[in-house]
Amino acid sequence: MDKILISKIDCVAAIGVTAEERTMKQRLSIDLEFAMDARRAAHADSLREAIDYAQVAKAIAEVCTSRDFHLIETVAEHIDRRVLGELPISQVRVLVRKIAPVV
């Protein structure tokens, strides 16, 4: 299996535990690493045989704006479920960072 890493996908989400955090939407940076057999895509050099990164970024953005979240762990889990449910991949690793956390 090959690993593909899409890093620094920029999203905005309503996220936070404290009242101060919940007063404004916050920027998140999301990395998504997934396993796939890339031989067919590499051989054909065709997007039809590969994972469309635009589709991945769109799915992540939709998750981030779908609801309010308390924890980044919850965002990561929702992204994990969405990506595994919609794309032909067998494993995914999600890293979520708050860009400028409200202290």
C-alpha atoms as a PDB file:
ATOM      1  CA  MET A   1       0.000   0.000   0.000  1.00  0.00           C
ATOM      2  CA  ASP A   2       1.080   3.515  -0.733  1.00  0.00           C
ATOM      3  CA  LYS A   3       0.475   6.484   1.537  1.00  0.00           C
ATOM      4  CA  ILE A   4      -0.757   9.827   0.286  1.00  0.00           C
ATOM      5  CA  LEU A   5      -0.594  12.914   2.508  1.00  0.00           C
ATOM      6  CA  ILE A   6      -2.688  16.004   1.862  1.00  0.00           C
ATOM      7  CA  SER A   7      -1.532  18.615   4.329  1.00  0.00           C
ATOM      8  CA  LYS A   8      -2.648  21.980   5.607  1.00  0.00           C
ATOM      9  CA  ILE A   9      -6.235  21.934   4.402  1.00  0.00           C
ATOM     10  CA  ASP A  10      -7.577  25.198   5.789  1.00  0.00           C
ATOM     11  CA  CYS A  11     -11.072  25.102   7.332  1.00  0.00           C
ATOM     12  CA  VAL A  12     -13.207  27.264   9.561  1.00  0.00           C
ATOM     13  CA  ALA A  13     -15.303  25.676  12.276  1.00  0.00           C
ATOM     14  CA  ALA A  14     -17.442  26.614  15.232  1.00  0.00           C
ATOM     15  CA  ILE A  15     -15.385  24.807  17.853  1.00  0.00           C
ATOM     16  CA  GLY A  16     -14.527  25.161  21.488  1.00  0.00           C
ATOM     17  CA  VAL A  17     -15.412  24.237  25.027  1.00  0.00           C
ATOM     18  CA  THR A  18     -15.305  27.610  26.760  1.00  0.00           C
ATOM     19  CA  ALA A  19     -17.760  30.443  26.233  1.00  0.00           C
ATOM     20  CA  GLU A  20     -14.947  32.606  24.808  1.00  0.00           C
ATOM     21  CA  GLU A  21     -14.000  29.975  22.247  1.00  0.00           C
ATOM     22  CA  ARG A  22     -17.589  29.575  21.143  1.00  0.00           C
ATOM     23  CA  THR A  23     -18.057  33.305  20.406  1.00  0.00           C
ATOM     24  CA  MET A  24     -16.194  33.077  17.109  1.00  0.00           C
ATOM     25  CA  LYS A  25     -15.391  30.552  14.429  1.00  0.00           C
ATOM     26  CA  GLN A  26     -11.828  29.292  14.450  1.00  0.00           C
ATOM     27  CA  ARG A  27      -9.395  28.294  11.731  1.00  0.00           C
ATOM     28  CA  LEU A  28      -8.289  24.693  11.627  1.00  0.00           C
ATOM     29  CA  SER A  29      -5.487  23.132   9.641  1.00  0.00           C
ATOM     30  CA  ILE A  30      -6.132  19.527   8.718  1.00  0.00           C
ATOM     31  CA  ASP A  31      -3.754  16.879   7.407  1.00  0.00           C
ATOM     32  CA  LEU A  32      -5.159  13.713   5.922  1.00  0.00           C
ATOM     33  CA  GLU A  33      -3.002  10.681   5.231  1.00  0.00           C
ATOM     34  CA  PHE A  34      -4.526   7.658   3.581  1.00  0.00           C
ATOM     35  CA  ALA A  35      -3.410   4.286   2.330  1.00  0.00           C
ATOM     36  CA  MET A  36      -4.210   3.093  -1.161  1.00  0.00           C
ATOM     37  CA  ASP A  37      -2.775   1.015  -3.936  1.00  0.00           C
ATOM     38  CA  ALA A  38      -1.561   3.771  -6.266  1.00  0.00           C
ATOM     39  CA  ARG A  39      -0.157   1.501  -9.003  1.00  0.00           C
ATOM     40  CA  ARG A  40      -3.088   1.866 -11.412  1.00  0.00           C
ATOM     41  CA  ALA A  41      -3.265   5.629 -10.955  1.00  0.00           C
ATOM     42  CA  ALA A  42       0.491   6.008 -11.382  1.00  0.00           C
ATOM     43  CA  HIS A  43       0.576   3.798 -14.438  1.00  0.00           C
ATOM     44  CA  ALA A  44      -2.381   5.532 -16.128  1.00  0.00           C
ATOM     45  CA  ASP A  45      -1.345   9.004 -14.887  1.00  0.00           C
ATOM     46  CA  SER A  46      -5.068   9.688 -14.698  1.00  0.00           C
ATOM     47  CA  LEU A  47      -7.242  11.271 -12.030  1.00  0.00           C
ATOM     48  CA  ARG A  48      -9.937   8.697 -12.804  1.00  0.00           C
ATOM     49  CA  GLU A  49      -7.725   6.051 -11.197  1.00  0.00           C
ATOM     50  CA  ALA A  50      -6.672   8.233  -8.253  1.00  0.00           C
ATOM     51  CA  ILE A  51      -8.249   9.943  -5.268  1.00  0.00           C
ATOM     52  CA  ASP A  52      -9.404  13.440  -6.222  1.00  0.00           C
ATOM     53  CA  TYR A  53      -7.850  15.799  -3.655  1.00  0.00           C
ATOM     54  CA  ALA A  54     -10.502  18.424  -4.412  1.00  0.00           C
ATOM     55  CA  GLN A  55     -13.175  15.908  -3.392  1.00  0.00           C
ATOM     56  CA  VAL A  56     -11.268  15.189  -0.166  1.00  0.00           C
ATOM     57  CA  ALA A  57     -10.902  18.901   0.661  1.00  0.00           C
ATOM     58  CA  LYS A  58     -14.598  19.506  -0.074  1.00  0.00           C
ATOM     59  CA  ALA A  59     -15.650  16.652   2.226  1.00  0.00           C
ATOM     60  CA  ILE A  60     -13.440  18.006   5.012  1.00  0.00           C
ATOM     61  CA  ALA A  61     -14.815  21.542   4.600  1.00  0.00           C
ATOM     62  CA  GLU A  62     -18.373  20.205   4.707  1.00  0.00           C
ATOM     63  CA  VAL A  63     -17.676  18.323   7.934  1.00  0.00           C
ATOM     64  CA  CYS A  64     -16.144  21.430   9.521  1.00  0.00           C
ATOM     65  CA  THR A  65     -19.185  23.556   8.725  1.00  0.00           C
ATOM     66  CA  SER A  66     -21.826  20.876   9.356  1.00  0.00           C
ATOM     67  CA  ARG A  67     -22.313  21.617  13.067  1.00  0.00           C
ATOM     68  CA  ASP A  68     -20.782  23.126  16.177  1.00  0.00           C
ATOM     69  CA  PHE A  69     -18.069  21.072  17.852  1.00  0.00           C
ATOM     70  CA  HIS A  70     -16.608  21.108  21.338  1.00  0.00           C
ATOM     71  CA  LEU A  71     -13.461  19.043  20.644  1.00  0.00           C
ATOM     72  CA  ILE A  72     -10.986  18.697  17.786  1.00  0.00           C
ATOM     73  CA  GLU A  73     -11.138  14.967  18.475  1.00  0.00           C
ATOM     74  CA  THR A  74     -14.776  15.036  17.395  1.00  0.00           C
ATOM     75  CA  VAL A  75     -13.881  16.894  14.191  1.00  0.00           C
ATOM     76  CA  ALA A  76     -11.188  14.301  13.450  1.00  0.00           C
ATOM     77  CA  GLU A  77     -13.593  11.404  14.024  1.00  0.00           C
ATOM     78  CA  HIS A  78     -16.264  12.927  11.773  1.00  0.00           C
ATOM     79  CA  ILE A  79     -13.702  13.498   9.022  1.00  0.00           C
ATOM     80  CA  ASP A  80     -12.452   9.923   9.421  1.00  0.00           C
ATOM     81  CA  ARG A  81     -15.957   8.468   9.073  1.00  0.00           C
ATOM     82  CA  ARG A  82     -16.859  10.692   6.117  1.00  0.00           C
ATOM     83  CA  VAL A  83     -13.689   9.964   4.137  1.00  0.00           C
ATOM     84  CA  LEU A  84     -13.762   6.210   4.772  1.00  0.00           C
ATOM     85  CA  GLY A  85     -17.458   6.125   3.909  1.00  0.00           C
ATOM     86  CA  GLU A  86     -17.184   8.015   0.625  1.00  0.00           C
ATOM     87  CA  LEU A  87     -13.798   7.207  -0.860  1.00  0.00           C
ATOM     88  CA  PRO A  88     -12.220   3.926  -1.960  1.00  0.00           C
ATOM     89  CA  ILE A  89      -9.512   3.857   0.702  1.00  0.00           C
ATOM     90  CA  SER A  90      -8.879   1.411   3.505  1.00  0.00           C
ATOM     91  CA  GLN A  91      -7.110   3.513   6.141  1.00  0.00           C
ATOM     92  CA  VAL A  92      -7.008   7.164   7.054  1.00  0.00           C
ATOM     93  CA  ARG A  93      -5.045   9.240   9.541  1.00  0.00           C
ATOM     94  CA  VAL A  94      -6.421  12.660  10.438  1.00  0.00           C
ATOM     95  CA  LEU A  95      -4.487  15.450  12.157  1.00  0.00           C
ATOM     96  CA  VAL A  96      -6.434  18.532  13.246  1.00  0.00           C
ATOM     97  CA  ARG A  97      -4.707  21.693  14.484  1.00  0.00           C
ATOM     98  CA  LYS A  98      -6.220  24.900  15.799  1.00  0.00           C
ATOM     99  CA  ILE A  99      -4.317  27.741  14.080  1.00  0.00           C
ATOM    100  CA  ALA A 100      -4.856  30.416  16.721  1.00  0.00           C
ATOM    101  CA  PRO A 101      -6.561  28.892  19.757  1.00  0.00           C
ATOM    102  CA  VAL A 102      -8.551  31.228  21.955  1.00  0.00           C
ATOM    103  CA  VAL A 103      -6.860  31.213  25.355  1.00  0.00           C
END
